[in-house]
């Protein structure tokens, strides 16, 4: 322990308490760690693994599966330009080309000052604002080249800090409650499910045995 801040550790412990099994809090805690650093540093991954009782390899394997979790260093602002069909028809590729020229990096790259990471996104679910752009997972609306330049200027000057948090902060509502049933009820339900599964398995075995006997006759 030592990399995650005391505040993040406290929130992580609180999240663990919301679940029947500590490992169920893995993804929420990954978001907390990413909120601290902007990406999941190896030392953070090691701490998360210790907190939830899994190996660092499992944390990395889980995090690398999800686009919203970053396992490589990322700029303060992650700028995502959607190039899916609806956005493509509204000039998304032209906008992405302009963004690359303005920021001086190709899609997937980070500016030298560490301020911006640019990415080509598959779909951001904002087709009505095509071409859709997000910054740190917050929609910034339909943009053309001039609008993009104005956005970059605003971000550099901190004019949109109130609406666009640092990268990694995905959740807007703090979760305060876990399961609304007791641990005894959870255990009883799991026992009932195991019994049901075993009954189904026995029935399947009996059916298979009967079919085999019928075929032999």
C-alpha atoms as a PDB file:
ATOM      1  CA  UNK A   1       0.000   0.000   0.000  1.00  0.00           C
ATOM      2  CA  UNK A   2       1.122   3.565  -0.535  1.00  0.00           C
ATOM      3  CA  UNK A   3       0.236   4.788  -3.993  1.00  0.00           C
ATOM      4  CA  UNK A   4      -3.484   5.396  -3.640  1.00  0.00           C
ATOM      5  CA  UNK A   5      -4.384   8.448  -1.588  1.00  0.00           C
ATOM      6  CA  UNK A   6      -6.023   8.030   1.839  1.00  0.00           C
ATOM      7  CA  UNK A   7      -9.270   9.405   0.371  1.00  0.00           C
ATOM      8  CA  UNK A   8      -9.280   6.894  -2.484  1.00  0.00           C
ATOM      9  CA  UNK A   9      -8.436   4.053  -0.105  1.00  0.00           C
ATOM     10  CA  UNK A  10     -11.304   5.045   2.188  1.00  0.00           C
ATOM     11  CA  UNK A  11     -13.719   5.112  -0.756  1.00  0.00           C
ATOM     12  CA  UNK A  12     -12.384   1.750  -1.950  1.00  0.00           C
ATOM     13  CA  UNK A  13     -12.984   0.163   1.450  1.00  0.00           C
ATOM     14  CA  UNK A  14     -16.473   1.635   1.493  1.00  0.00           C
ATOM     15  CA  UNK A  15     -17.182   0.104  -1.921  1.00  0.00           C
ATOM     16  CA  UNK A  16     -15.943  -3.316  -0.806  1.00  0.00           C
ATOM     17  CA  UNK A  17     -18.442  -3.215   2.058  1.00  0.00           C
ATOM     18  CA  UNK A  18     -21.302  -2.778  -0.414  1.00  0.00           C
ATOM     19  CA  UNK A  19     -20.786  -6.179  -2.036  1.00  0.00           C
ATOM     20  CA  UNK A  20     -21.123  -9.774  -0.791  1.00  0.00           C
ATOM     21  CA  UNK A  21     -17.652 -10.547  -2.215  1.00  0.00           C
ATOM     22  CA  UNK A  22     -14.725  -8.067  -2.259  1.00  0.00           C
ATOM     23  CA  UNK A  23     -13.817  -8.892  -5.865  1.00  0.00           C
ATOM     24  CA  UNK A  24     -17.215  -7.566  -6.970  1.00  0.00           C
ATOM     25  CA  UNK A  25     -15.909  -4.067  -6.223  1.00  0.00           C
ATOM     26  CA  UNK A  26     -13.017  -4.441  -8.685  1.00  0.00           C
ATOM     27  CA  UNK A  27     -14.351  -2.277 -11.513  1.00  0.00           C
ATOM     28  CA  UNK A  28     -15.701   0.546  -9.291  1.00  0.00           C
ATOM     29  CA  UNK A  29     -12.360   0.713  -7.491  1.00  0.00           C
ATOM     30  CA  UNK A  30     -10.535   0.823 -10.820  1.00  0.00           C
ATOM     31  CA  UNK A  31     -12.569   3.927 -11.638  1.00  0.00           C
ATOM     32  CA  UNK A  32     -11.549   5.474  -8.319  1.00  0.00           C
ATOM     33  CA  UNK A  33      -7.867   4.849  -9.018  1.00  0.00           C
ATOM     34  CA  UNK A  34      -8.205   6.209 -12.531  1.00  0.00           C
ATOM     35  CA  UNK A  35      -9.827   9.296 -11.102  1.00  0.00           C
ATOM     36  CA  UNK A  36      -6.680   9.893  -9.062  1.00  0.00           C
ATOM     37  CA  UNK A  37      -4.069   9.399 -11.787  1.00  0.00           C
ATOM     38  CA  UNK A  38      -5.937   9.591 -15.087  1.00  0.00           C
ATOM     39  CA  UNK A  39      -5.013   5.965 -15.842  1.00  0.00           C
ATOM     40  CA  UNK A  40      -4.343   2.725 -13.982  1.00  0.00           C
ATOM     41  CA  UNK A  41      -0.704   2.810 -12.982  1.00  0.00           C
ATOM     42  CA  UNK A  42       0.988  -0.537 -12.220  1.00  0.00           C
ATOM     43  CA  UNK A  43       1.348   0.395  -8.551  1.00  0.00           C
ATOM     44  CA  UNK A  44      -2.370   1.223  -8.382  1.00  0.00           C
ATOM     45  CA  UNK A  45      -3.210  -2.111 -10.000  1.00  0.00           C
ATOM     46  CA  UNK A  46      -1.163  -3.886  -7.348  1.00  0.00           C
ATOM     47  CA  UNK A  47      -3.006  -2.093  -4.550  1.00  0.00           C
ATOM     48  CA  UNK A  48      -6.414  -2.771  -6.065  1.00  0.00           C
ATOM     49  CA  UNK A  49      -5.534  -6.461  -6.300  1.00  0.00           C
ATOM     50  CA  UNK A  50      -4.651  -6.511  -2.606  1.00  0.00           C
ATOM     51  CA  UNK A  51      -7.847  -4.714  -1.623  1.00  0.00           C
ATOM     52  CA  UNK A  52     -10.204  -7.074  -3.464  1.00  0.00           C
ATOM     53  CA  UNK A  53      -8.190 -10.260  -3.011  1.00  0.00           C
ATOM     54  CA  UNK A  54      -7.209 -11.095  -6.587  1.00  0.00           C
ATOM     55  CA  UNK A  55      -3.935 -11.097  -8.520  1.00  0.00           C
ATOM     56  CA  UNK A  56      -2.608  -7.973 -10.280  1.00  0.00           C
ATOM     57  CA  UNK A  57      -2.895  -9.945 -13.538  1.00  0.00           C
ATOM     58  CA  UNK A  58      -6.647 -10.305 -13.007  1.00  0.00           C
ATOM     59  CA  UNK A  59      -7.023  -6.586 -12.347  1.00  0.00           C
ATOM     60  CA  UNK A  60      -5.056  -5.782 -15.511  1.00  0.00           C
ATOM     61  CA  UNK A  61      -7.005  -8.341 -17.522  1.00  0.00           C
ATOM     62  CA  UNK A  62     -10.310  -6.854 -16.394  1.00  0.00           C
ATOM     63  CA  UNK A  63      -9.253  -3.236 -16.920  1.00  0.00           C
ATOM     64  CA  UNK A  64      -7.840  -3.872 -20.388  1.00  0.00           C
ATOM     65  CA  UNK A  65     -11.202  -5.309 -21.496  1.00  0.00           C
ATOM     66  CA  UNK A  66     -13.079  -2.023 -20.997  1.00  0.00           C
ATOM     67  CA  UNK A  67     -12.551   1.083 -23.142  1.00  0.00           C
ATOM     68  CA  UNK A  68     -13.341   3.435 -20.272  1.00  0.00           C
ATOM     69  CA  UNK A  69     -10.483   2.051 -18.190  1.00  0.00           C
ATOM     70  CA  UNK A  70      -7.028   3.100 -19.350  1.00  0.00           C
ATOM     71  CA  UNK A  71      -3.903   1.025 -18.782  1.00  0.00           C
ATOM     72  CA  UNK A  72      -1.554   3.455 -20.518  1.00  0.00           C
ATOM     73  CA  UNK A  73      -0.706   7.018 -19.558  1.00  0.00           C
ATOM     74  CA  UNK A  74      -3.389   9.432 -20.713  1.00  0.00           C
ATOM     75  CA  UNK A  75      -3.542  13.212 -20.961  1.00  0.00           C
ATOM     76  CA  UNK A  76      -5.569  15.354 -18.620  1.00  0.00           C
ATOM     77  CA  UNK A  77      -8.258  15.596 -21.282  1.00  0.00           C
ATOM     78  CA  UNK A  78      -9.289  12.536 -23.270  1.00  0.00           C
ATOM     79  CA  UNK A  79     -10.850  13.896 -26.466  1.00  0.00           C
ATOM     80  CA  UNK A  80     -12.993  11.294 -28.239  1.00  0.00           C
ATOM     81  CA  UNK A  81     -14.249  11.854 -31.777  1.00  0.00           C
ATOM     82  CA  UNK A  82     -16.914   9.421 -32.967  1.00  0.00           C
ATOM     83  CA  UNK A  83     -16.414   8.162 -36.534  1.00  0.00           C
ATOM     84  CA  UNK A  84     -19.301   5.695 -36.685  1.00  0.00           C
ATOM     85  CA  UNK A  85     -21.735   5.857 -39.623  1.00  0.00           C
ATOM     86  CA  UNK A  86     -23.992   8.719 -38.510  1.00  0.00           C
ATOM     87  CA  UNK A  87     -21.026  10.871 -37.495  1.00  0.00           C
ATOM     88  CA  UNK A  88     -18.998   9.882 -40.550  1.00  0.00           C
ATOM     89  CA  UNK A  89     -21.792  11.179 -42.792  1.00  0.00           C
ATOM     90  CA  UNK A  90     -21.682  14.481 -40.907  1.00  0.00           C
ATOM     91  CA  UNK A  91     -17.958  15.041 -41.370  1.00  0.00           C
ATOM     92  CA  UNK A  92     -16.398  13.112 -38.500  1.00  0.00           C
ATOM     93  CA  UNK A  93     -13.288  12.119 -40.440  1.00  0.00           C
ATOM     94  CA  UNK A  94     -12.697  15.697 -41.507  1.00  0.00           C
ATOM     95  CA  UNK A  95     -13.111  16.804 -37.894  1.00  0.00           C
ATOM     96  CA  UNK A  96     -10.693  14.116 -36.704  1.00  0.00           C
ATOM     97  CA  UNK A  97      -8.134  15.210 -39.300  1.00  0.00           C
ATOM     98  CA  UNK A  98      -8.472  18.789 -38.082  1.00  0.00           C
ATOM     99  CA  UNK A  99      -8.123  17.680 -34.454  1.00  0.00           C
ATOM    100  CA  UNK A 100      -4.911  15.828 -35.306  1.00  0.00           C
ATOM    101  CA  UNK A 101      -3.493  18.911 -36.982  1.00  0.00           C
ATOM    102  CA  UNK A 102      -4.543  21.251 -34.184  1.00  0.00           C
ATOM    103  CA  UNK A 103      -3.180  19.056 -31.397  1.00  0.00           C
ATOM    104  CA  UNK A 104      -0.163  17.850 -33.335  1.00  0.00           C
ATOM    105  CA  UNK A 105      -0.798  14.157 -32.630  1.00  0.00           C
ATOM    106  CA  UNK A 106      -2.433  11.273 -34.440  1.00  0.00           C
ATOM    107  CA  UNK A 107      -5.481   9.509 -32.985  1.00  0.00           C
ATOM    108  CA  UNK A 108      -4.245   7.431 -30.066  1.00  0.00           C
ATOM    109  CA  UNK A 109      -1.494   9.917 -29.223  1.00  0.00           C
ATOM    110  CA  UNK A 110      -0.950  12.369 -26.374  1.00  0.00           C
ATOM    111  CA  UNK A 111       0.354  15.905 -26.717  1.00  0.00           C
ATOM    112  CA  UNK A 112       3.867  16.558 -25.427  1.00  0.00           C
ATOM    113  CA  UNK A 113       2.587  18.705 -22.586  1.00  0.00           C
ATOM    114  CA  UNK A 114       0.378  15.843 -21.376  1.00  0.00           C
ATOM    115  CA  UNK A 115      -2.739  17.958 -21.739  1.00  0.00           C
ATOM    116  CA  UNK A 116      -4.652  16.072 -24.465  1.00  0.00           C
ATOM    117  CA  UNK A 117      -5.068  12.488 -25.605  1.00  0.00           C
ATOM    118  CA  UNK A 118      -6.979  12.134 -28.874  1.00  0.00           C
ATOM    119  CA  UNK A 119      -8.907   9.004 -29.781  1.00  0.00           C
ATOM    120  CA  UNK A 120     -11.038   7.755 -32.656  1.00  0.00           C
ATOM    121  CA  UNK A 121     -14.169   6.388 -30.963  1.00  0.00           C
ATOM    122  CA  UNK A 122     -16.421   3.730 -32.453  1.00  0.00           C
ATOM    123  CA  UNK A 123     -19.731   5.099 -31.123  1.00  0.00           C
ATOM    124  CA  UNK A 124     -20.528   7.604 -28.390  1.00  0.00           C
ATOM    125  CA  UNK A 125     -24.337   7.210 -28.547  1.00  0.00           C
ATOM    126  CA  UNK A 126     -24.891  10.849 -29.472  1.00  0.00           C
ATOM    127  CA  UNK A 127     -26.005  10.553 -33.097  1.00  0.00           C
ATOM    128  CA  UNK A 128     -28.312  13.559 -32.818  1.00  0.00           C
ATOM    129  CA  UNK A 129     -25.218  15.730 -32.293  1.00  0.00           C
ATOM    130  CA  UNK A 130     -23.160  14.201 -35.104  1.00  0.00           C
ATOM    131  CA  UNK A 131     -20.274  14.456 -35.379  1.00  0.00           C
ATOM    132  CA  UNK A 132     -20.257  13.636 -31.691  1.00  0.00           C
ATOM    133  CA  UNK A 133     -17.337  14.566 -29.453  1.00  0.00           C
ATOM    134  CA  UNK A 134     -16.689  13.812 -25.790  1.00  0.00           C
ATOM    135  CA  UNK A 135     -14.075  15.171 -23.415  1.00  0.00           C
ATOM    136  CA  UNK A 136     -13.422  12.974 -20.377  1.00  0.00           C
ATOM    137  CA  UNK A 137     -16.688  11.159 -21.106  1.00  0.00           C
ATOM    138  CA  UNK A 138     -18.726  14.384 -21.082  1.00  0.00           C
ATOM    139  CA  UNK A 139     -20.575  15.371 -24.251  1.00  0.00           C
ATOM    140  CA  UNK A 140     -19.478  18.660 -25.773  1.00  0.00           C
ATOM    141  CA  UNK A 141     -22.016  18.666 -28.607  1.00  0.00           C
ATOM    142  CA  UNK A 142     -21.822  18.922 -32.367  1.00  0.00           C
ATOM    143  CA  UNK A 143     -18.516  20.483 -33.398  1.00  0.00           C
ATOM    144  CA  UNK A 144     -16.953  21.789 -36.567  1.00  0.00           C
ATOM    145  CA  UNK A 145     -13.326  22.869 -36.954  1.00  0.00           C
ATOM    146  CA  UNK A 146     -13.908  26.300 -35.428  1.00  0.00           C
ATOM    147  CA  UNK A 147     -15.877  24.810 -32.570  1.00  0.00           C
ATOM    148  CA  UNK A 148     -13.083  22.337 -31.885  1.00  0.00           C
ATOM    149  CA  UNK A 149     -10.491  25.107 -31.774  1.00  0.00           C
ATOM    150  CA  UNK A 150     -12.644  27.073 -29.333  1.00  0.00           C
ATOM    151  CA  UNK A 151     -13.022  23.955 -27.176  1.00  0.00           C
ATOM    152  CA  UNK A 152      -9.267  23.398 -27.043  1.00  0.00           C
ATOM    153  CA  UNK A 153      -8.688  27.024 -26.066  1.00  0.00           C
ATOM    154  CA  UNK A 154     -11.312  26.807 -23.314  1.00  0.00           C
ATOM    155  CA  UNK A 155      -9.807  23.616 -21.915  1.00  0.00           C
ATOM    156  CA  UNK A 156      -6.280  25.017 -21.889  1.00  0.00           C
ATOM    157  CA  UNK A 157      -7.484  28.092 -20.006  1.00  0.00           C
ATOM    158  CA  UNK A 158      -9.583  26.102 -17.547  1.00  0.00           C
ATOM    159  CA  UNK A 159     -12.833  27.708 -18.634  1.00  0.00           C
ATOM    160  CA  UNK A 160     -14.746  24.416 -18.555  1.00  0.00           C
ATOM    161  CA  UNK A 161     -13.342  22.859 -15.419  1.00  0.00           C
ATOM    162  CA  UNK A 162     -16.716  23.030 -13.660  1.00  0.00           C
ATOM    163  CA  UNK A 163     -18.412  20.839 -16.266  1.00  0.00           C
ATOM    164  CA  UNK A 164     -15.531  18.653 -17.427  1.00  0.00           C
ATOM    165  CA  UNK A 165     -13.661  16.957 -14.557  1.00  0.00           C
ATOM    166  CA  UNK A 166     -10.215  15.488 -14.838  1.00  0.00           C
ATOM    167  CA  UNK A 167      -9.967  12.269 -16.789  1.00  0.00           C
ATOM    168  CA  UNK A 168     -11.156   9.131 -15.091  1.00  0.00           C
ATOM    169  CA  UNK A 169     -14.034  10.654 -13.160  1.00  0.00           C
ATOM    170  CA  UNK A 170     -16.930   8.799 -14.749  1.00  0.00           C
ATOM    171  CA  UNK A 171     -19.542   8.536 -11.999  1.00  0.00           C
ATOM    172  CA  UNK A 172     -21.575  11.599 -11.053  1.00  0.00           C
ATOM    173  CA  UNK A 173     -23.487  10.058  -8.131  1.00  0.00           C
ATOM    174  CA  UNK A 174     -21.794   8.616  -5.056  1.00  0.00           C
ATOM    175  CA  UNK A 175     -23.150   5.192  -4.200  1.00  0.00           C
ATOM    176  CA  UNK A 176     -24.044   4.878  -0.539  1.00  0.00           C
ATOM    177  CA  UNK A 177     -26.024   1.646  -0.279  1.00  0.00           C
ATOM    178  CA  UNK A 178     -25.322  -1.955  -1.131  1.00  0.00           C
ATOM    179  CA  UNK A 179     -27.667  -4.907  -1.168  1.00  0.00           C
ATOM    180  CA  UNK A 180     -31.017  -4.315   0.487  1.00  0.00           C
ATOM    181  CA  UNK A 181     -31.197  -7.888   1.809  1.00  0.00           C
ATOM    182  CA  UNK A 182     -29.235  -9.483   4.624  1.00  0.00           C
ATOM    183  CA  UNK A 183     -26.239 -11.761   4.172  1.00  0.00           C
ATOM    184  CA  UNK A 184     -28.363 -14.671   5.534  1.00  0.00           C
ATOM    185  CA  UNK A 185     -30.947 -14.115   2.819  1.00  0.00           C
ATOM    186  CA  UNK A 186     -28.229 -14.047   0.171  1.00  0.00           C
ATOM    187  CA  UNK A 187     -26.779 -17.336   1.479  1.00  0.00           C
ATOM    188  CA  UNK A 188     -30.211 -18.958   1.564  1.00  0.00           C
ATOM    189  CA  UNK A 189     -30.965 -17.890  -1.993  1.00  0.00           C
ATOM    190  CA  UNK A 190     -27.639 -19.255  -3.190  1.00  0.00           C
ATOM    191  CA  UNK A 191     -28.377 -22.576  -1.464  1.00  0.00           C
ATOM    192  CA  UNK A 192     -31.794 -22.751  -3.142  1.00  0.00           C
ATOM    193  CA  UNK A 193     -30.182 -22.032  -6.508  1.00  0.00           C
ATOM    194  CA  UNK A 194     -27.598 -24.774  -5.994  1.00  0.00           C
ATOM    195  CA  UNK A 195     -30.371 -27.243  -5.154  1.00  0.00           C
ATOM    196  CA  UNK A 196     -32.293 -26.228  -8.273  1.00  0.00           C
ATOM    197  CA  UNK A 197     -29.200 -26.615 -10.427  1.00  0.00           C
ATOM    198  CA  UNK A 198     -28.494 -30.042  -8.970  1.00  0.00           C
ATOM    199  CA  UNK A 199     -32.103 -31.119  -9.608  1.00  0.00           C
ATOM    200  CA  UNK A 200     -31.845 -30.049 -13.227  1.00  0.00           C
ATOM    201  CA  UNK A 201     -28.565 -31.937 -13.591  1.00  0.00           C
ATOM    202  CA  UNK A 202     -30.107 -35.102 -12.084  1.00  0.00           C
ATOM    203  CA  UNK A 203     -33.090 -34.824 -14.394  1.00  0.00           C
ATOM    204  CA  UNK A 204     -30.802 -34.462 -17.388  1.00  0.00           C
ATOM    205  CA  UNK A 205     -28.806 -37.525 -16.323  1.00  0.00           C
ATOM    206  CA  UNK A 206     -31.987 -39.561 -15.847  1.00  0.00           C
ATOM    207  CA  UNK A 207     -33.254 -38.488 -19.275  1.00  0.00           C
ATOM    208  CA  UNK A 208     -29.954 -39.355 -20.931  1.00  0.00           C
ATOM    209  CA  UNK A 209     -29.887 -42.753 -19.246  1.00  0.00           C
ATOM    210  CA  UNK A 210     -33.467 -43.478 -20.349  1.00  0.00           C
ATOM    211  CA  UNK A 211     -32.696 -42.484 -23.922  1.00  0.00           C
ATOM    212  CA  UNK A 212     -29.628 -44.733 -23.959  1.00  0.00           C
ATOM    213  CA  UNK A 213     -31.640 -47.661 -22.568  1.00  0.00           C
ATOM    214  CA  UNK A 214     -34.358 -47.120 -25.166  1.00  0.00           C
ATOM    215  CA  UNK A 215     -31.810 -47.036 -27.974  1.00  0.00           C
ATOM    216  CA  UNK A 216     -30.256 -50.294 -26.701  1.00  0.00           C
ATOM    217  CA  UNK A 217     -33.634 -52.017 -26.659  1.00  0.00           C
END
